[in-house]
Amino acid sequence: MTEELFTLLNKEASPFNGQMVNSCEDTSIENLKRVFNYFYENFHDTDQIIYTFDCWHEHDGFITNKSEISWQELTKIFANENSLRSFSITDEEVRKTIFSKSHKWLFRWCLDEEDHAYNDFEACFSNELTEHSSMLLKELKEGIAIQNTLEYFKSSYGG
């Protein structure tokens, strides 16, 4: 988590004030690509500034720094499994994260390489974008759930 997002979480503000779609079981790389494509198709025109960071929220709560990344770079990363694995964090309970400068959405994923146990994700939408949770859910169908973003982040803090 970044300091900026941790402050927003504690204020119960966007992107933590809405719903999230998350994998409730091991998910495929293809599903991760589908989720990214959903964000790209729906937000690349409106959200030009995107940030990325390694999220240690569940692991130990470590606060880290963000860096800017372009939609073009992200599209190349998600183009194939090798580039996605190279970009991703493979430590247990550490998630690669992208979010918009507007804080209206946040997408995190974990590729657990240590024991090949699982891949998972959280796609978070602010209160004003809640309809996107059900739209994304329809695209993914199996092994997916919708839950309250704030409740999830508050209950999963590892710090």
Foldseek 3Di string as FASTA:
>chain_A
DAPVVVVCLVVCAFLQVAKKKKFQAFDDLVLVLLVLVLCCVPPVVPFQWKKKDKACFLPAHDHDDIDTDGPVVVCVQSVDDVSVVVPFDQDPSIWIKMAGPVRQWIKTWYQHPPVRGHIMIMITGHRVPNVVRVVSCVVNPPRMDMDRRSVVSVVRGND
